[in-house]
Every structure is written in C-alpha cells, then in structure tokens.
N, C-alpha and C. Protein backbone atom coordinates (compact mmCIF):
# COMPACT_ATOMS: atom_id res chain seq x y z
N MET A 1 -231.09 -148.26 -229.68
CA MET A 1 -230.01 -148.51 -228.77
C MET A 1 -228.77 -148.11 -230.01
N TYR A 2 -228.73 -148.69 -230.86
CA TYR A 2 -227.75 -148.72 -231.85
C TYR A 2 -227.51 -146.98 -232.45
N LEU A 3 -228.70 -146.48 -232.67
CA LEU A 3 -228.60 -145.13 -233.13
C LEU A 3 -228.03 -144.20 -232.10
N THR A 4 -228.36 -144.57 -230.91
CA THR A 4 -227.84 -143.81 -229.80
C THR A 4 -226.39 -143.66 -229.77
N ILE A 5 -225.72 -144.94 -229.84
CA ILE A 5 -224.64 -145.30 -229.76
C ILE A 5 -223.72 -144.51 -230.96
N ILE A 6 -224.26 -144.60 -232.07
CA ILE A 6 -223.77 -143.97 -233.64
C ILE A 6 -224.05 -142.85 -233.46
N SER A 7 -224.93 -142.17 -232.69
CA SER A 7 -225.30 -140.36 -232.62
C SER A 7 -224.23 -140.28 -231.81
N ALA A 8 -223.87 -140.84 -230.49
CA ALA A 8 -222.97 -140.24 -229.63
C ALA A 8 -221.53 -140.36 -230.27
N ILE A 9 -221.07 -141.21 -230.91
CA ILE A 9 -219.85 -141.29 -231.52
C ILE A 9 -219.52 -140.34 -232.84
N LEU A 10 -220.70 -139.86 -233.54
CA LEU A 10 -220.64 -138.64 -234.57
C LEU A 10 -220.61 -137.33 -233.70
N LEU A 11 -221.22 -137.34 -232.65
CA LEU A 11 -221.11 -135.81 -231.92
C LEU A 11 -219.50 -135.96 -231.46
N LEU A 12 -219.14 -136.75 -230.81
CA LEU A 12 -217.77 -136.83 -230.28
C LEU A 12 -216.84 -136.33 -231.44
N ALA A 13 -217.01 -137.07 -232.63
CA ALA A 13 -216.21 -136.92 -233.61
C ALA A 13 -216.30 -135.12 -234.44
N SER A 14 -217.55 -134.88 -234.21
CA SER A 14 -217.83 -133.54 -234.89
C SER A 14 -217.19 -132.40 -233.53
N VAL A 15 -217.04 -132.75 -232.45
CA VAL A 15 -216.61 -131.99 -231.31
C VAL A 15 -214.88 -131.95 -231.71
N ALA A 16 -214.40 -133.12 -231.99
CA ALA A 16 -213.14 -133.20 -232.23
C ALA A 16 -212.58 -132.53 -233.59
N SER A 17 -213.73 -132.49 -234.63
CA SER A 17 -213.53 -131.84 -235.71
C SER A 17 -213.55 -130.48 -235.39
N GLY A 18 -214.55 -129.87 -234.69
CA GLY A 18 -214.70 -128.67 -234.58
C GLY A 18 -213.15 -127.91 -233.79
N VAL A 19 -212.71 -128.65 -233.15
CA VAL A 19 -211.36 -128.07 -232.65
C VAL A 19 -210.42 -127.71 -233.60
N VAL A 20 -210.15 -128.78 -234.70
CA VAL A 20 -209.38 -128.58 -235.76
C VAL A 20 -210.02 -127.33 -236.54
N ALA A 21 -211.39 -127.15 -236.59
CA ALA A 21 -211.65 -126.02 -237.45
C ALA A 21 -211.50 -124.81 -236.92
N LEU A 22 -211.31 -124.79 -235.38
CA LEU A 22 -211.22 -123.34 -234.65
C LEU A 22 -209.64 -123.38 -234.36
N GLN A 23 -209.29 -124.11 -234.39
CA GLN A 23 -207.63 -123.91 -233.76
C GLN A 23 -206.56 -124.49 -234.77
N GLY A 24 -207.08 -124.41 -236.24
CA GLY A 24 -206.16 -124.88 -237.05
C GLY A 24 -204.95 -124.05 -237.03
N ARG A 25 -203.97 -124.85 -237.76
CA ARG A 25 -202.59 -123.73 -237.81
C ARG A 25 -202.70 -123.01 -238.93
N ASP A 26 -203.25 -123.39 -240.10
CA ASP A 26 -203.35 -122.35 -241.11
C ASP A 26 -204.56 -122.40 -241.90
N PRO A 27 -205.07 -121.71 -242.58
CA PRO A 27 -206.47 -121.35 -242.98
C PRO A 27 -206.89 -122.91 -243.97
N TRP A 28 -206.11 -123.49 -244.46
CA TRP A 28 -206.50 -124.74 -245.00
C TRP A 28 -206.58 -125.89 -243.94
N ALA A 29 -206.28 -125.92 -242.95
CA ALA A 29 -206.58 -126.92 -241.97
C ALA A 29 -207.84 -126.44 -241.32
N ARG A 30 -208.15 -125.26 -241.08
CA ARG A 30 -209.22 -124.70 -240.81
C ARG A 30 -210.50 -125.17 -241.78
N LEU A 31 -210.24 -125.00 -242.86
CA LEU A 31 -211.19 -125.16 -244.02
C LEU A 31 -211.25 -127.04 -243.73
N LEU A 32 -210.43 -127.83 -243.52
CA LEU A 32 -210.51 -129.28 -243.67
C LEU A 32 -211.28 -129.42 -242.27
N GLY A 33 -211.10 -128.61 -241.33
CA GLY A 33 -211.99 -128.97 -240.01
C GLY A 33 -213.39 -128.53 -240.24
N TYR A 34 -213.64 -127.68 -241.05
CA TYR A 34 -215.22 -127.25 -241.25
C TYR A 34 -215.86 -128.09 -242.34
N THR A 35 -214.97 -128.70 -243.24
CA THR A 35 -215.68 -130.02 -244.04
C THR A 35 -215.71 -131.27 -243.22
N LEU A 36 -215.01 -131.20 -242.22
CA LEU A 36 -215.09 -132.64 -241.48
C LEU A 36 -216.52 -132.46 -240.53
N VAL A 37 -216.64 -131.23 -240.02
CA VAL A 37 -217.86 -130.78 -239.03
C VAL A 37 -219.05 -131.05 -239.88
N SER A 38 -219.10 -130.49 -241.23
CA SER A 38 -220.19 -130.48 -242.02
C SER A 38 -220.70 -131.90 -242.59
N SER A 39 -219.64 -132.78 -242.77
CA SER A 39 -220.04 -134.16 -243.02
C SER A 39 -220.46 -134.86 -241.43
N LYS A 40 -219.93 -134.71 -240.49
CA LYS A 40 -220.31 -135.50 -239.48
C LYS A 40 -221.87 -135.00 -239.19
N VAL A 41 -222.19 -133.72 -239.14
CA VAL A 41 -223.46 -133.13 -239.02
C VAL A 41 -224.42 -133.46 -240.08
N ASN A 42 -223.98 -133.82 -241.15
CA ASN A 42 -224.97 -134.64 -242.29
C ASN A 42 -225.21 -135.98 -241.72
N MET A 43 -224.20 -136.81 -241.01
CA MET A 43 -224.65 -138.16 -240.72
C MET A 43 -225.33 -137.76 -239.52
N LEU A 44 -225.37 -136.99 -238.67
CA LEU A 44 -226.24 -136.76 -237.50
C LEU A 44 -227.69 -136.31 -238.11
N ILE A 45 -227.86 -135.96 -239.01
CA ILE A 45 -229.03 -135.67 -239.54
C ILE A 45 -229.55 -136.91 -240.10
N ILE A 46 -228.85 -137.77 -240.69
CA ILE A 46 -229.57 -138.95 -241.35
C ILE A 46 -229.95 -139.81 -240.21
N VAL A 47 -229.01 -139.86 -239.31
CA VAL A 47 -229.18 -140.79 -238.29
C VAL A 47 -230.50 -140.42 -237.14
N LEU A 48 -230.85 -139.08 -237.45
CA LEU A 48 -231.96 -138.41 -236.76
C LEU A 48 -233.37 -138.78 -237.61
N ALA A 49 -232.95 -139.04 -238.93
CA ALA A 49 -234.18 -139.28 -239.91
C ALA A 49 -234.33 -140.89 -239.60
N LEU A 50 -233.42 -141.63 -239.23
CA LEU A 50 -233.77 -142.89 -239.25
C LEU A 50 -234.45 -143.33 -237.88
N ALA A 51 -234.10 -142.39 -236.73
CA ALA A 51 -234.62 -142.93 -235.76
C ALA A 51 -236.04 -142.49 -235.45
N THR A 52 -236.25 -141.30 -236.37
CA THR A 52 -237.63 -140.63 -236.23
C THR A 52 -238.71 -141.16 -237.22
N GLU A 53 -238.00 -141.72 -238.13
CA GLU A 53 -238.78 -142.12 -239.32
C GLU A 53 -239.64 -141.05 -239.94
N HIS A 54 -238.97 -139.68 -240.18
CA HIS A 54 -239.30 -138.85 -240.74
C HIS A 54 -238.35 -138.48 -241.84
N SER A 55 -238.92 -138.74 -243.24
CA SER A 55 -238.47 -138.62 -244.43
C SER A 55 -237.61 -137.22 -244.66
N PHE A 56 -238.25 -136.25 -244.40
CA PHE A 56 -238.24 -134.80 -244.58
C PHE A 56 -236.84 -134.40 -244.03
N TYR A 57 -236.35 -135.07 -242.93
CA TYR A 57 -234.76 -135.13 -242.51
C TYR A 57 -234.05 -135.31 -243.69
N LEU A 58 -234.08 -136.22 -244.40
CA LEU A 58 -233.24 -136.55 -245.50
C LEU A 58 -233.18 -135.48 -246.56
N ASP A 59 -234.15 -135.01 -246.72
CA ASP A 59 -234.19 -133.73 -247.77
C ASP A 59 -233.20 -132.62 -247.32
N ILE A 60 -233.40 -132.38 -245.65
CA ILE A 60 -232.68 -131.31 -245.14
C ILE A 60 -231.13 -131.93 -245.48
N ALA A 61 -230.86 -133.18 -245.08
CA ALA A 61 -229.47 -133.49 -245.15
C ALA A 61 -228.89 -133.20 -246.74
N LEU A 62 -229.66 -133.93 -247.51
CA LEU A 62 -229.30 -133.58 -249.06
C LEU A 62 -229.09 -132.05 -249.42
N VAL A 63 -229.84 -131.03 -248.85
CA VAL A 63 -229.87 -129.63 -249.08
C VAL A 63 -228.50 -129.38 -248.17
N TYR A 64 -228.02 -129.73 -247.29
CA TYR A 64 -227.24 -129.26 -246.50
C TYR A 64 -225.77 -129.76 -247.04
N ILE A 65 -225.99 -130.96 -247.84
CA ILE A 65 -224.75 -131.50 -248.33
C ILE A 65 -224.21 -130.65 -249.44
N VAL A 66 -225.25 -130.21 -250.36
CA VAL A 66 -225.03 -129.19 -251.70
C VAL A 66 -224.70 -128.02 -251.12
N LEU A 67 -225.19 -127.05 -250.04
CA LEU A 67 -224.84 -126.18 -249.55
C LEU A 67 -223.12 -126.11 -249.04
N SER A 68 -223.00 -127.09 -248.29
CA SER A 68 -221.67 -127.51 -247.64
C SER A 68 -220.86 -127.45 -248.89
N TYR A 69 -221.04 -128.26 -249.78
CA TYR A 69 -219.76 -128.33 -251.13
C TYR A 69 -219.83 -127.22 -251.55
N ILE A 70 -220.86 -126.31 -251.92
CA ILE A 70 -220.72 -125.00 -252.47
C ILE A 70 -219.99 -124.12 -251.75
N GLY A 71 -220.34 -124.07 -250.10
CA GLY A 71 -219.47 -123.26 -249.18
C GLY A 71 -217.69 -123.50 -249.33
N VAL A 72 -217.51 -124.84 -249.24
CA VAL A 72 -216.16 -125.16 -249.51
C VAL A 72 -215.44 -124.70 -250.68
N LEU A 73 -216.07 -124.79 -251.82
CA LEU A 73 -215.30 -124.37 -253.14
C LEU A 73 -215.52 -122.73 -253.03
N VAL A 74 -216.33 -122.19 -252.73
CA VAL A 74 -216.32 -120.54 -252.37
C VAL A 74 -215.11 -120.06 -251.30
N LEU A 75 -214.98 -120.63 -250.44
CA LEU A 75 -213.92 -120.39 -249.46
C LEU A 75 -212.49 -120.97 -249.93
N ALA A 76 -212.30 -121.72 -250.57
CA ALA A 76 -211.16 -122.33 -251.10
C ALA A 76 -210.62 -121.51 -252.29
N ASP A 77 -211.80 -121.05 -253.08
CA ASP A 77 -211.52 -119.96 -253.95
C ASP A 77 -210.99 -118.65 -253.84
N TYR A 78 -211.99 -118.18 -252.62
CA TYR A 78 -211.47 -117.02 -251.81
C TYR A 78 -210.08 -116.91 -251.18
N MET A 79 -209.69 -118.18 -250.60
CA MET A 79 -208.29 -118.31 -250.24
C MET A 79 -207.12 -118.26 -251.23
N VAL A 80 -207.39 -118.97 -252.08
CA VAL A 80 -206.55 -119.18 -253.21
C VAL A 80 -206.30 -117.43 -253.82
N GLY A 81 -207.45 -116.89 -253.90
CA GLY A 81 -207.31 -115.42 -254.46
C GLY A 81 -206.54 -114.50 -253.59
N GLN A 82 -206.60 -114.68 -252.21
CA GLN A 82 -205.88 -114.15 -251.21
C GLN A 82 -204.59 -114.28 -251.46
N ALA A 83 -204.13 -115.49 -251.19
CA ALA A 83 -202.86 -116.07 -251.61
C ALA A 83 -202.23 -115.50 -252.80
N THR A 84 -202.66 -115.44 -253.81
CA THR A 84 -202.12 -114.86 -254.90
C THR A 84 -202.14 -113.25 -255.05
N ALA A 85 -202.79 -112.83 -254.26
CA ALA A 85 -202.89 -111.29 -254.44
C ALA A 85 -201.58 -110.58 -253.75
N TYR A 86 -200.98 -111.36 -252.86
CA TYR A 86 -200.17 -110.56 -252.02
C TYR A 86 -198.65 -111.51 -252.39
N ALA A 87 -198.80 -112.36 -253.45
CA ALA A 87 -197.48 -113.23 -254.00
C ALA A 87 -196.76 -112.30 -254.88
N PRO A 88 -195.49 -112.21 -254.78
CA PRO A 88 -194.86 -111.42 -255.82
C PRO A 88 -194.90 -112.30 -257.22
N GLU A 89 -194.76 -111.44 -258.03
CA GLU A 89 -194.98 -111.90 -259.55
C GLU A 89 -193.48 -113.03 -259.66
N VAL A 90 -193.39 -113.84 -260.73
CA VAL A 90 -192.24 -114.38 -260.94
C VAL A 90 -191.55 -113.47 -261.95
N GLY A 91 -190.33 -113.78 -261.64
CA GLY A 91 -189.44 -112.68 -262.60
C GLY A 91 -189.32 -111.22 -262.18
N GLU A 92 -190.02 -110.89 -260.91
CA GLU A 92 -189.76 -109.64 -260.48
C GLU A 92 -188.38 -109.54 -259.56
C-alpha cells in the first residue's frame, strides 16, 4: 500500500520534472530537468526493487546512477564549450 502511494508520488514528480526538461527556458534549466527526472526514475527503480523483492533491480539502479552522473557531466562540459566558442575574447 505504502509503496504504491510512494510510486504514484514519484511518478507525478517525474512528469513535472519532465516538463521542466522539455520546456526549460535555457539549456541549463533543461539539464536541471534531466537531472531531476533521472533521480526520480532511480527512486522508482529502488521502490520497484523493494516491492518485488528482487535485488537485481538495485544493481540496475546503481548502474543508472553512475551513467546519469556521467551524462550530466558530459552535457555540462559540452554546453560550456559551446558557450565559450561563440563568446568574444576579453580585450577585443
């Protein structure tokens, strides 16, 4: 019962974060939305592991956490590189 309520709340939070990720006003807001969605999906996977009592779902959640973190770092580095590529040099 409690796991169902927790799952429903996390699902609603994921949808709200997905709206931020898709309709963010700038790329940084979209990246924040992506981070929020990935953390909520991770929590859903952990709740699924608790509900079904299958421990391999926890392994999937751990792998997803690592891949999500690396993805955020790569996207942030790419966006910083794009921003500095078109910025004028100081002193010009």
